[in-house]
Amino acid sequence: NLAKQVQEKDLKFIFGRYVDFQSEVERNMFDIRVMKEGR
């Protein structure tokens, strides 16, 4: 139920608060994929 204008940076702004970017492991685990085509 995401709006059309939602981008990865928008989700990173929200979900990035749950990641410790000082840790390389957590940075590598953090991944965002926004679907914009088809169903």
PDB file of all heavy atoms in Angstrom:
ATOM      1  N   ASN A   1       0.829  -1.210   0.000  1.00  0.00           N
ATOM      2  CA  ASN A   1       0.000   0.000   0.000  1.00  0.00           C
ATOM      3  C   ASN A   1       0.861   1.257   0.000  1.00  0.00           C
ATOM      4  O   ASN A   1       0.539   2.260   0.649  1.00  0.00           O
ATOM      5  CB  ASN A   1      -0.950   0.008   1.198  1.00  0.00           C
ATOM      6  CG  ASN A   1      -2.087   1.005   1.019  1.00  0.00           C
ATOM      7  OD1 ASN A   1      -2.654   1.125  -0.070  1.00  0.00           O
ATOM      8  ND2 ASN A   1      -2.433   1.711   2.069  1.00  0.00           N
ATOM      9  N   LEU A   2       1.947   1.199  -0.755  1.00  0.00           N
ATOM     10  CA  LEU A   2       2.831   2.358  -0.878  1.00  0.00           C
ATOM     11  C   LEU A   2       2.362   3.282  -1.995  1.00  0.00           C
ATOM     12  O   LEU A   2       1.823   2.831  -3.011  1.00  0.00           O
ATOM     13  CB  LEU A   2       4.271   1.900  -1.156  1.00  0.00           C
ATOM     14  CG  LEU A   2       4.964   1.107  -0.045  1.00  0.00           C
ATOM     15  CD1 LEU A   2       6.305   0.606  -0.532  1.00  0.00           C
ATOM     16  CD2 LEU A   2       5.132   1.964   1.212  1.00  0.00           C
ATOM     17  N   ALA A   3       2.588   4.558  -1.823  1.00  0.00           N
ATOM     18  CA  ALA A   3       2.244   5.532  -2.852  1.00  0.00           C
ATOM     19  C   ALA A   3       3.218   5.422  -4.028  1.00  0.00           C
ATOM     20  O   ALA A   3       4.321   4.890  -3.902  1.00  0.00           O
ATOM     21  CB  ALA A   3       2.284   6.943  -2.267  1.00  0.00           C
ATOM     22  N   LYS A   4       2.797   5.939  -5.167  1.00  0.00           N
ATOM     23  CA  LYS A   4       3.618   5.829  -6.376  1.00  0.00           C
ATOM     24  C   LYS A   4       4.952   6.553  -6.231  1.00  0.00           C
ATOM     25  O   LYS A   4       5.959   6.100  -6.766  1.00  0.00           O
ATOM     26  CB  LYS A   4       2.854   6.404  -7.573  1.00  0.00           C
ATOM     27  CG  LYS A   4       1.609   5.616  -7.943  1.00  0.00           C
ATOM     28  CD  LYS A   4       0.912   6.252  -9.133  1.00  0.00           C
ATOM     29  CE  LYS A   4      -0.361   5.476  -9.497  1.00  0.00           C
ATOM     30  NZ  LYS A   4      -1.070   6.099 -10.640  1.00  0.00           N
ATOM     31  N   GLN A   5       4.949   7.683  -5.512  1.00  0.00           N
ATOM     32  CA  GLN A   5       6.169   8.495  -5.408  1.00  0.00           C
ATOM     33  C   GLN A   5       7.154   7.997  -4.355  1.00  0.00           C
ATOM     34  O   GLN A   5       8.204   8.603  -4.168  1.00  0.00           O
ATOM     35  CB  GLN A   5       5.824   9.963  -5.126  1.00  0.00           C
ATOM     36  CG  GLN A   5       5.018  10.200  -3.860  1.00  0.00           C
ATOM     37  CD  GLN A   5       3.528  10.220  -4.118  1.00  0.00           C
ATOM     38  OE1 GLN A   5       3.019   9.420  -4.890  1.00  0.00           O
ATOM     39  NE2 GLN A   5       2.831  11.143  -3.473  1.00  0.00           N
ATOM     40  N   VAL A   6       6.824   6.909  -3.680  1.00  0.00           N
ATOM     41  CA  VAL A   6       7.739   6.383  -2.660  1.00  0.00           C
ATOM     42  C   VAL A   6       9.003   5.832  -3.320  1.00  0.00           C
ATOM     43  O   VAL A   6       8.931   5.068  -4.275  1.00  0.00           O
ATOM     44  CB  VAL A   6       7.058   5.278  -1.822  1.00  0.00           C
ATOM     45  CG1 VAL A   6       8.061   4.637  -0.873  1.00  0.00           C
ATOM     46  CG2 VAL A   6       5.900   5.853  -1.033  1.00  0.00           C
ATOM     47  N   GLN A   7      10.146   6.219  -2.772  1.00  0.00           N
ATOM     48  CA  GLN A   7      11.439   5.758  -3.274  1.00  0.00           C
ATOM     49  C   GLN A   7      12.211   5.059  -2.154  1.00  0.00           C
ATOM     50  O   GLN A   7      11.805   5.078  -0.995  1.00  0.00           O
ATOM     51  CB  GLN A   7      12.244   6.948  -3.821  1.00  0.00           C
ATOM     52  CG  GLN A   7      11.574   7.666  -4.978  1.00  0.00           C
ATOM     53  CD  GLN A   7      12.373   8.844  -5.468  1.00  0.00           C
ATOM     54  OE1 GLN A   7      13.458   9.135  -4.947  1.00  0.00           O
ATOM     55  NE2 GLN A   7      11.863   9.539  -6.472  1.00  0.00           N
ATOM     56  N   GLU A   8      13.337   4.482  -2.542  1.00  0.00           N
ATOM     57  CA  GLU A   8      14.151   3.765  -1.554  1.00  0.00           C
ATOM     58  C   GLU A   8      14.623   4.688  -0.431  1.00  0.00           C
ATOM     59  O   GLU A   8      14.684   4.291   0.733  1.00  0.00           O
ATOM     60  CB  GLU A   8      15.356   3.124  -2.248  1.00  0.00           C
ATOM     61  CG  GLU A   8      14.981   1.970  -3.160  1.00  0.00           C
ATOM     62  CD  GLU A   8      16.208   1.308  -3.769  1.00  0.00           C
ATOM     63  OE1 GLU A   8      17.339   1.720  -3.404  1.00  0.00           O
ATOM     64  OE2 GLU A   8      16.049   0.388  -4.579  1.00  0.00           O
ATOM     65  N   LYS A   9      14.952   5.932  -0.768  1.00  0.00           N
ATOM     66  CA  LYS A   9      15.441   6.871   0.251  1.00  0.00           C
ATOM     67  C   LYS A   9      14.357   7.158   1.299  1.00  0.00           C
ATOM     68  O   LYS A   9      14.664   7.384   2.476  1.00  0.00           O
ATOM     69  CB  LYS A   9      15.903   8.172  -0.397  1.00  0.00           C
ATOM     70  CG  LYS A   9      14.813   8.947  -1.103  1.00  0.00           C
ATOM     71  CD  LYS A   9      15.356  10.235  -1.706  1.00  0.00           C
ATOM     72  CE  LYS A   9      14.246  11.038  -2.380  1.00  0.00           C
ATOM     73  NZ  LYS A   9      14.781  12.309  -2.939  1.00  0.00           N
ATOM     74  N   ASP A  10      13.080   7.129   0.871  1.00  0.00           N
ATOM     75  CA  ASP A  10      11.989   7.360   1.817  1.00  0.00           C
ATOM     76  C   ASP A  10      11.894   6.219   2.831  1.00  0.00           C
ATOM     77  O   ASP A  10      11.712   6.452   4.031  1.00  0.00           O
ATOM     78  CB  ASP A  10      10.662   7.502   1.067  1.00  0.00           C
ATOM     79  CG  ASP A  10      10.664   8.695   0.120  1.00  0.00           C
ATOM     80  OD1 ASP A  10      11.222   9.744   0.487  1.00  0.00           O
ATOM     81  OD2 ASP A  10      10.115   8.565  -0.989  1.00  0.00           O
ATOM     82  N   LEU A  11      12.027   4.994   2.342  1.00  0.00           N
ATOM     83  CA  LEU A  11      11.981   3.838   3.236  1.00  0.00           C
ATOM     84  C   LEU A  11      13.244   3.735   4.076  1.00  0.00           C
ATOM     85  O   LEU A  11      13.208   3.281   5.226  1.00  0.00           O
ATOM     86  CB  LEU A  11      11.782   2.561   2.420  1.00  0.00           C
ATOM     87  CG  LEU A  11      10.458   2.481   1.641  1.00  0.00           C
ATOM     88  CD1 LEU A  11      10.389   1.194   0.845  1.00  0.00           C
ATOM     89  CD2 LEU A  11       9.261   2.599   2.584  1.00  0.00           C
ATOM     90  N   LYS A  12      14.346   4.169   3.530  1.00  0.00           N
ATOM     91  CA  LYS A  12      15.594   4.168   4.294  1.00  0.00           C
ATOM     92  C   LYS A  12      15.508   5.170   5.439  1.00  0.00           C
ATOM     93  O   LYS A  12      16.014   4.923   6.536  1.00  0.00           O
ATOM     94  CB  LYS A  12      16.771   4.519   3.386  1.00  0.00           C
ATOM     95  CG  LYS A  12      18.120   4.464   4.093  1.00  0.00           C
ATOM     96  CD  LYS A  12      19.262   4.777   3.138  1.00  0.00           C
ATOM     97  CE  LYS A  12      20.597   4.702   3.859  1.00  0.00           C
ATOM     98  NZ  LYS A  12      21.731   5.013   2.966  1.00  0.00           N
ATOM     99  N   PHE A  13      14.840   6.282   5.192  1.00  0.00           N
ATOM    100  CA  PHE A  13      14.646   7.301   6.224  1.00  0.00           C
ATOM    101  C   PHE A  13      13.831   6.760   7.396  1.00  0.00           C
ATOM    102  O   PHE A  13      14.029   7.145   8.553  1.00  0.00           O
ATOM    103  CB  PHE A  13      13.943   8.518   5.607  1.00  0.00           C
ATOM    104  CG  PHE A  13      13.613   9.589   6.607  1.00  0.00           C
ATOM    105  CD1 PHE A  13      14.603  10.378   7.180  1.00  0.00           C
ATOM    106  CD2 PHE A  13      12.303   9.830   6.991  1.00  0.00           C
ATOM    107  CE1 PHE A  13      14.302  11.362   8.104  1.00  0.00           C
ATOM    108  CE2 PHE A  13      11.987  10.812   7.910  1.00  0.00           C
ATOM    109  CZ  PHE A  13      12.996  11.584   8.467  1.00  0.00           C
ATOM    110  N   ILE A  14      12.925   5.838   7.103  1.00  0.00           N
ATOM    111  CA  ILE A  14      12.064   5.270   8.141  1.00  0.00           C
ATOM    112  C   ILE A  14      12.701   4.055   8.801  1.00  0.00           C
ATOM    113  O   ILE A  14      12.834   3.984  10.020  1.00  0.00           O
ATOM    114  CB  ILE A  14      10.696   4.894   7.549  1.00  0.00           C
ATOM    115  CG1 ILE A  14       9.973   6.156   7.059  1.00  0.00           C
ATOM    116  CG2 ILE A  14       9.838   4.169   8.589  1.00  0.00           C
ATOM    117  CD1 ILE A  14       8.720   5.876   6.274  1.00  0.00           C
ATOM    118  N   PHE A  15      13.120   3.090   7.987  1.00  0.00           N
ATOM    119  CA  PHE A  15      13.613   1.818   8.539  1.00  0.00           C
ATOM    120  C   PHE A  15      15.097   1.866   8.894  1.00  0.00           C
ATOM    121  O   PHE A  15      15.601   0.947   9.540  1.00  0.00           O
ATOM    122  CB  PHE A  15      13.361   0.694   7.538  1.00  0.00           C
ATOM    123  CG  PHE A  15      11.902   0.354   7.380  1.00  0.00           C
ATOM    124  CD1 PHE A  15      11.146   0.925   6.364  1.00  0.00           C
ATOM    125  CD2 PHE A  15      11.277  -0.526   8.244  1.00  0.00           C
ATOM    126  CE1 PHE A  15       9.808   0.623   6.210  1.00  0.00           C
ATOM    127  CE2 PHE A  15       9.929  -0.834   8.105  1.00  0.00           C
ATOM    128  CZ  PHE A  15       9.194  -0.255   7.088  1.00  0.00           C
ATOM    129  N   GLY A  16      15.779   2.912   8.497  1.00  0.00           N
ATOM    130  CA  GLY A  16      17.201   3.023   8.825  1.00  0.00           C
ATOM    131  C   GLY A  16      17.462   3.205  10.303  1.00  0.00           C
ATOM    132  O   GLY A  16      18.561   2.933  10.785  1.00  0.00           O
ATOM    133  N   ARG A  17      16.441   3.638  11.050  1.00  0.00           N
ATOM    134  CA  ARG A  17      16.605   3.845  12.484  1.00  0.00           C
ATOM    135  C   ARG A  17      16.759   2.533  13.235  1.00  0.00           C
ATOM    136  O   ARG A  17      17.145   2.513  14.403  1.00  0.00           O
ATOM    137  CB  ARG A  17      15.413   4.638  13.038  1.00  0.00           C
ATOM    138  CG  ARG A  17      14.120   3.856  13.122  1.00  0.00           C
ATOM    139  CD  ARG A  17      12.950   4.772  13.456  1.00  0.00           C
ATOM    140  NE  ARG A  17      13.180   5.526  14.664  1.00  0.00           N
ATOM    141  CZ  ARG A  17      12.904   5.111  15.894  1.00  0.00           C
ATOM    142  NH1 ARG A  17      12.392   3.909  16.068  1.00  0.00           N
ATOM    143  NH2 ARG A  17      13.128   5.861  16.933  1.00  0.00           N
ATOM    144  N   TYR A  18      16.461   1.412  12.583  1.00  0.00           N
ATOM    145  CA  TYR A  18      16.568   0.103  13.224  1.00  0.00           C
ATOM    146  C   TYR A  18      17.870  -0.608  12.858  1.00  0.00           C
ATOM    147  O   TYR A  18      18.029  -1.791  13.132  1.00  0.00           O
ATOM    148  CB  TYR A  18      15.379  -0.772  12.825  1.00  0.00           C
ATOM    149  CG  TYR A  18      14.055  -0.115  13.123  1.00  0.00           C
ATOM    150  CD1 TYR A  18      13.298   0.469  12.112  1.00  0.00           C
ATOM    151  CD2 TYR A  18      13.563  -0.064  14.423  1.00  0.00           C
ATOM    152  CE1 TYR A  18      12.090   1.090  12.383  1.00  0.00           C
ATOM    153  CE2 TYR A  18      12.360   0.555  14.706  1.00  0.00           C
ATOM    154  CZ  TYR A  18      11.632   1.137  13.676  1.00  0.00           C
ATOM    155  OH  TYR A  18      10.436   1.758  13.957  1.00  0.00           O
ATOM    156  N   VAL A  19      18.785   0.120  12.243  1.00  0.00           N
ATOM    157  CA  VAL A  19      20.055  -0.459  11.805  1.00  0.00           C
ATOM    158  C   VAL A  19      21.200   0.322  12.428  1.00  0.00           C
ATOM    159  O   VAL A  19      21.181   1.556  12.475  1.00  0.00           O
ATOM    160  CB  VAL A  19      20.173  -0.430  10.269  1.00  0.00           C
ATOM    161  CG1 VAL A  19      21.485  -1.053   9.819  1.00  0.00           C
ATOM    162  CG2 VAL A  19      18.991  -1.155   9.628  1.00  0.00           C
ATOM    163  N   ASP A  20      22.206  -0.401  12.914  1.00  0.00           N
ATOM    164  CA  ASP A  20      23.413   0.223  13.438  1.00  0.00           C
ATOM    165  C   ASP A  20      24.439   0.304  12.304  1.00  0.00           C
ATOM    166  O   ASP A  20      25.077  -0.685  11.957  1.00  0.00           O
ATOM    167  CB  ASP A  20      23.960  -0.591  14.611  1.00  0.00           C
ATOM    168  CG  ASP A  20      25.185   0.056  15.231  1.00  0.00           C
ATOM    169  OD1 ASP A  20      25.498   1.213  14.870  1.00  0.00           O
ATOM    170  OD2 ASP A  20      25.847  -0.593  16.068  1.00  0.00           O
ATOM    171  N   PHE A  21      24.568   1.490  11.722  1.00  0.00           N
ATOM    172  CA  PHE A  21      25.437   1.657  10.562  1.00  0.00           C
ATOM    173  C   PHE A  21      26.911   1.655  10.918  1.00  0.00           C
ATOM    174  O   PHE A  21      27.759   1.649  10.032  1.00  0.00           O
ATOM    175  CB  PHE A  21      25.075   2.954   9.821  1.00  0.00           C
ATOM    176  CG  PHE A  21      23.800   2.841   9.031  1.00  0.00           C
ATOM    177  CD1 PHE A  21      22.581   3.125   9.614  1.00  0.00           C
ATOM    178  CD2 PHE A  21      23.822   2.429   7.708  1.00  0.00           C
ATOM    179  CE1 PHE A  21      21.400   3.020   8.901  1.00  0.00           C
ATOM    180  CE2 PHE A  21      22.650   2.312   6.982  1.00  0.00           C
ATOM    181  CZ  PHE A  21      21.435   2.613   7.575  1.00  0.00           C
ATOM    182  N   GLN A  22      27.224   1.646  12.195  1.00  0.00           N
ATOM    183  CA  GLN A  22      28.618   1.517  12.607  1.00  0.00           C
ATOM    184  C   GLN A  22      29.098   0.075  12.457  1.00  0.00           C
ATOM    185  O   GLN A  22      30.292  -0.186  12.419  1.00  0.00           O
ATOM    186  CB  GLN A  22      28.784   1.976  14.054  1.00  0.00           C
ATOM    187  CG  GLN A  22      28.511   3.464  14.254  1.00  0.00           C
ATOM    188  CD  GLN A  22      28.669   3.890  15.695  1.00  0.00           C
ATOM    189  OE1 GLN A  22      28.851   3.046  16.576  1.00  0.00           O
ATOM    190  NE2 GLN A  22      28.606   5.187  15.946  1.00  0.00           N
ATOM    191  N   SER A  23      28.154  -0.834  12.366  1.00  0.00           N
ATOM    192  CA  SER A  23      28.486  -2.248  12.197  1.00  0.00           C
ATOM    193  C   SER A  23      28.411  -2.610  10.709  1.00  0.00           C
ATOM    194  O   SER A  23      27.394  -2.391  10.051  1.00  0.00           O
ATOM    195  CB  SER A  23      27.515  -3.117  12.998  1.00  0.00           C
ATOM    196  OG  SER A  23      27.738  -4.482  12.727  1.00  0.00           O
ATOM    197  N   GLU A  24      29.482  -3.156  10.182  1.00  0.00           N
ATOM    198  CA  GLU A  24      29.505  -3.546   8.769  1.00  0.00           C
ATOM    199  C   GLU A  24      28.503  -4.654   8.488  1.00  0.00           C
ATOM    200  O   GLU A  24      27.873  -4.694   7.427  1.00  0.00           O
ATOM    201  CB  GLU A  24      30.914  -3.990   8.374  1.00  0.00           C
ATOM    202  CG  GLU A  24      31.945  -2.871   8.408  1.00  0.00           C
ATOM    203  CD  GLU A  24      33.312  -3.352   7.976  1.00  0.00           C
ATOM    204  OE1 GLU A  24      33.435  -4.562   7.666  1.00  0.00           O
ATOM    205  OE2 GLU A  24      34.245  -2.532   7.946  1.00  0.00           O
ATOM    206  N   VAL A  25      28.357  -5.560   9.448  1.00  0.00           N
ATOM    207  CA  VAL A  25      27.426  -6.679   9.270  1.00  0.00           C
ATOM    208  C   VAL A  25      26.003  -6.158   9.097  1.00  0.00           C
ATOM    209  O   VAL A  25      25.285  -6.567   8.179  1.00  0.00           O
ATOM    210  CB  VAL A  25      27.502  -7.649  10.472  1.00  0.00           C
ATOM    211  CG1 VAL A  25      26.487  -8.762  10.321  1.00  0.00           C
ATOM    212  CG2 VAL A  25      28.914  -8.217  10.597  1.00  0.00           C
ATOM    213  N   GLU A  26      25.587  -5.247   9.967  1.00  0.00           N
ATOM    214  CA  GLU A  26      24.226  -4.718   9.888  1.00  0.00           C
ATOM    215  C   GLU A  26      24.026  -3.879   8.628  1.00  0.00           C
ATOM    216  O   GLU A  26      22.953  -3.884   8.029  1.00  0.00           O
ATOM    217  CB  GLU A  26      23.905  -3.899  11.144  1.00  0.00           C
ATOM    218  CG  GLU A  26      23.830  -4.748  12.404  1.00  0.00           C
ATOM    219  CD  GLU A  26      23.141  -4.020  13.545  1.00  0.00           C
ATOM    220  OE1 GLU A  26      22.626  -2.910  13.309  1.00  0.00           O
ATOM    221  OE2 GLU A  26      23.103  -4.581  14.655  1.00  0.00           O
ATOM    222  N   ARG A  27      25.054  -3.161   8.244  1.00  0.00           N
ATOM    223  CA  ARG A  27      24.945  -2.373   7.002  1.00  0.00           C
ATOM    224  C   ARG A  27      24.750  -3.280   5.797  1.00  0.00           C
ATOM    225  O   ARG A  27      23.972  -2.979   4.892  1.00  0.00           O
ATOM    226  CB  ARG A  27      26.190  -1.516   6.803  1.00  0.00           C
ATOM    227  CG  ARG A  27      26.166  -0.212   7.579  1.00  0.00           C
ATOM    228  CD  ARG A  27      27.370   0.639   7.283  1.00  0.00           C
ATOM    229  NE  ARG A  27      28.597   0.017   7.771  1.00  0.00           N
ATOM    230  CZ  ARG A  27      29.813   0.526   7.585  1.00  0.00           C
ATOM    231  NH1 ARG A  27      29.975   1.633   6.903  1.00  0.00           N
ATOM    232  NH2 ARG A  27      30.877  -0.080   8.093  1.00  0.00           N
ATOM    233  N   ASN A  28      25.454  -4.379   5.787  1.00  0.00           N
ATOM    234  CA  ASN A  28      25.316  -5.323   4.670  1.00  0.00           C
ATOM    235  C   ASN A  28      23.965  -6.036   4.697  1.00  0.00           C
ATOM    236  O   ASN A  28      23.398  -6.352   3.645  1.00  0.00           O
ATOM    237  CB  ASN A  28      26.448  -6.351   4.706  1.00  0.00           C
ATOM    238  CG  ASN A  28      27.810  -5.716   4.464  1.00  0.00           C
ATOM    239  OD1 ASN A  28      27.916  -4.704   3.767  1.00  0.00           O
ATOM    240  ND2 ASN A  28      28.855  -6.296   5.034  1.00  0.00           N
ATOM    241  N   MET A  29      23.442  -6.281   5.885  1.00  0.00           N
ATOM    242  CA  MET A  29      22.148  -6.941   6.015  1.00  0.00           C
ATOM    243  C   MET A  29      21.000  -6.023   5.590  1.00  0.00           C
ATOM    244  O   MET A  29      19.964  -6.476   5.125  1.00  0.00           O
ATOM    245  CB  MET A  29      21.929  -7.389   7.460  1.00  0.00           C
ATOM    246  CG  MET A  29      22.839  -8.532   7.907  1.00  0.00           C
ATOM    247  SD  MET A  29      22.393 -10.099   7.142  1.00  0.00           S
ATOM    248  CE  MET A  29      20.830 -10.423   7.957  1.00  0.00           C
ATOM    249  N   PHE A  30      21.186  -4.728   5.762  1.00  0.00           N
ATOM    250  CA  PHE A  30      20.124  -3.759   5.447  1.00  0.00           C
ATOM    251  C   PHE A  30      19.955  -3.647   3.934  1.00  0.00           C
ATOM    252  O   PHE A  30      20.869  -3.275   3.208  1.00  0.00           O
ATOM    253  CB  PHE A  30      20.474  -2.403   6.057  1.00  0.00           C
ATOM    254  CG  PHE A  30      19.377  -1.382   5.925  1.00  0.00           C
ATOM    255  CD1 PHE A  30      18.091  -1.660   6.340  1.00  0.00           C
ATOM    256  CD2 PHE A  30      19.643  -0.127   5.387  1.00  0.00           C
ATOM    257  CE1 PHE A  30      17.082  -0.720   6.227  1.00  0.00           C
ATOM    258  CE2 PHE A  30      18.643   0.816   5.273  1.00  0.00           C
ATOM    259  CZ  PHE A  30      17.364   0.523   5.692  1.00  0.00           C
ATOM    260  N   ASP A  31      18.760  -3.980   3.481  1.00  0.00           N
ATOM    261  CA  ASP A  31      18.493  -3.985   2.036  1.00  0.00           C
ATOM    262  C   ASP A  31      17.062  -3.518   1.781  1.00  0.00           C
ATOM    263  O   ASP A  31      16.135  -3.920   2.489  1.00  0.00           O
ATOM    264  CB  ASP A  31      18.705  -5.394   1.479  1.00  0.00           C
ATOM    265  CG  ASP A  31      18.474  -5.447  -0.023  1.00  0.00           C
ATOM    266  OD1 ASP A  31      18.684  -4.411  -0.695  1.00  0.00           O
ATOM    267  OD2 ASP A  31      18.076  -6.507  -0.533  1.00  0.00           O
ATOM    268  N   ILE A  32      16.888  -2.657   0.782  1.00  0.00           N
ATOM    269  CA  ILE A  32      15.563  -2.142   0.436  1.00  0.00           C
ATOM    270  C   ILE A  32      15.317  -2.350  -1.060  1.00  0.00           C
ATOM    271  O   ILE A  32      16.152  -1.993  -1.890  1.00  0.00           O
ATOM    272  CB  ILE A  32      15.440  -0.643   0.765  1.00  0.00           C
ATOM    273  CG1 ILE A  32      15.610  -0.416   2.272  1.00  0.00           C
ATOM    274  CG2 ILE A  32      14.086  -0.097   0.307  1.00  0.00           C
ATOM    275  CD1 ILE A  32      15.639   1.037   2.664  1.00  0.00           C
ATOM    276  N   ARG A  33      14.170  -2.934  -1.360  1.00  0.00           N
ATOM    277  CA  ARG A  33      13.787  -3.143  -2.755  1.00  0.00           C
ATOM    278  C   ARG A  33      12.347  -2.681  -2.944  1.00  0.00           C
ATOM    279  O   ARG A  33      11.416  -3.266  -2.379  1.00  0.00           O
ATOM    280  CB  ARG A  33      13.918  -4.622  -3.135  1.00  0.00           C
ATOM    281  CG  ARG A  33      15.358  -5.113  -3.119  1.00  0.00           C
ATOM    282  CD  ARG A  33      15.463  -6.551  -3.556  1.00  0.00           C
ATOM    283  NE  ARG A  33      16.820  -7.047  -3.456  1.00  0.00           N
ATOM    284  CZ  ARG A  33      17.208  -8.269  -3.789  1.00  0.00           C
ATOM    285  NH1 ARG A  33      16.292  -9.154  -4.208  1.00  0.00           N
ATOM    286  NH2 ARG A  33      18.465  -8.646  -3.673  1.00  0.00           N
ATOM    287  N   VAL A  34      12.185  -1.640  -3.729  1.00  0.00           N
ATOM    288  CA  VAL A  34      10.859  -1.087  -4.006  1.00  0.00           C
ATOM    289  C   VAL A  34      10.411  -1.570  -5.382  1.00  0.00           C
ATOM    290  O   VAL A  34      11.118  -1.392  -6.375  1.00  0.00           O
ATOM    291  CB  VAL A  34      10.880   0.451  -3.965  1.00  0.00           C
ATOM    292  CG1 VAL A  34       9.498   1.019  -4.249  1.00  0.00           C
ATOM    293  CG2 VAL A  34      11.387   0.935  -2.610  1.00  0.00           C
ATOM    294  N   MET A  35       9.247  -2.174  -5.416  1.00  0.00           N
ATOM    295  CA  MET A  35       8.693  -2.683  -6.673  1.00  0.00           C
ATOM    296  C   MET A  35       7.849  -1.597  -7.346  1.00  0.00           C
ATOM    297  O   MET A  35       6.952  -1.035  -6.720  1.00  0.00           O
ATOM    298  CB  MET A  35       7.840  -3.928  -6.405  1.00  0.00           C
ATOM    299  CG  MET A  35       8.564  -5.001  -5.604  1.00  0.00           C
ATOM    300  SD  MET A  35      10.070  -5.588  -6.401  1.00  0.00           S
ATOM    301  CE  MET A  35      10.701  -6.704  -5.149  1.00  0.00           C
ATOM    302  N   LYS A  36       8.134  -1.331  -8.607  1.00  0.00           N
ATOM    303  CA  LYS A  36       7.433  -0.259  -9.320  1.00  0.00           C
ATOM    304  C   LYS A  36       6.854  -0.722 -10.661  1.00  0.00           C
ATOM    305  O   LYS A  36       6.366   0.093 -11.438  1.00  0.00           O
ATOM    306  CB  LYS A  36       8.377   0.921  -9.550  1.00  0.00           C
ATOM    307  CG  LYS A  36       8.832   1.594  -8.264  1.00  0.00           C
ATOM    308  CD  LYS A  36       9.694   2.794  -8.548  1.00  0.00           C
ATOM    309  CE  LYS A  36      10.103   3.493  -7.257  1.00  0.00           C
ATOM    310  NZ  LYS A  36      10.944   4.689  -7.509  1.00  0.00           N
ATOM    311  N   GLU A  37       6.905  -2.009 -10.900  1.00  0.00           N
ATOM    312  CA  GLU A  37       6.405  -2.509 -12.177  1.00  0.00           C
ATOM    313  C   GLU A  37       5.479  -3.702 -11.947  1.00  0.00           C
ATOM    314  O   GLU A  37       5.647  -4.466 -11.001  1.00  0.00           O
ATOM    315  CB  GLU A  37       7.572  -2.919 -13.080  1.00  0.00           C
ATOM    316  CG  GLU A  37       8.461  -1.758 -13.486  1.00  0.00           C
ATOM    317  CD  GLU A  37       9.613  -2.199 -14.379  1.00  0.00           C
ATOM    318  OE1 GLU A  37       9.736  -3.424 -14.608  1.00  0.00           O
ATOM    319  OE2 GLU A  37      10.375  -1.339 -14.830  1.00  0.00           O
ATOM    320  N   GLY A  38       4.513  -3.840 -12.855  1.00  0.00           N
ATOM    321  CA  GLY A  38       3.609  -4.982 -12.821  1.00  0.00           C
ATOM    322  C   GLY A  38       2.723  -5.025 -11.593  1.00  0.00           C
ATOM    323  O   GLY A  38       2.365  -3.999 -11.016  1.00  0.00           O
ATOM    324  N   ARG A  39       2.393  -6.236 -11.207  1.00  0.00           N
ATOM    325  CA  ARG A  39       1.493  -6.419 -10.059  1.00  0.00           C
ATOM    326  C   ARG A  39       2.136  -6.047  -8.728  1.00  0.00           C
ATOM    327  O   ARG A  39       1.437  -5.873  -7.732  1.00  0.00           O
ATOM    328  CB  ARG A  39       1.034  -7.881 -10.008  1.00  0.00           C
ATOM    329  CG  ARG A  39       0.232  -8.314 -11.226  1.00  0.00           C
ATOM    330  CD  ARG A  39      -0.142  -9.773 -11.106  1.00  0.00           C
ATOM    331  NE  ARG A  39      -0.909 -10.237 -12.257  1.00  0.00           N
ATOM    332  CZ  ARG A  39      -1.328 -11.477 -12.434  1.00  0.00           C
ATOM    333  NH1 ARG A  39      -1.037 -12.401 -11.504  1.00  0.00           N
ATOM    334  NH2 ARG A  39      -2.008 -11.821 -13.503  1.00  0.00           N
TER     335      ARG A  39
END
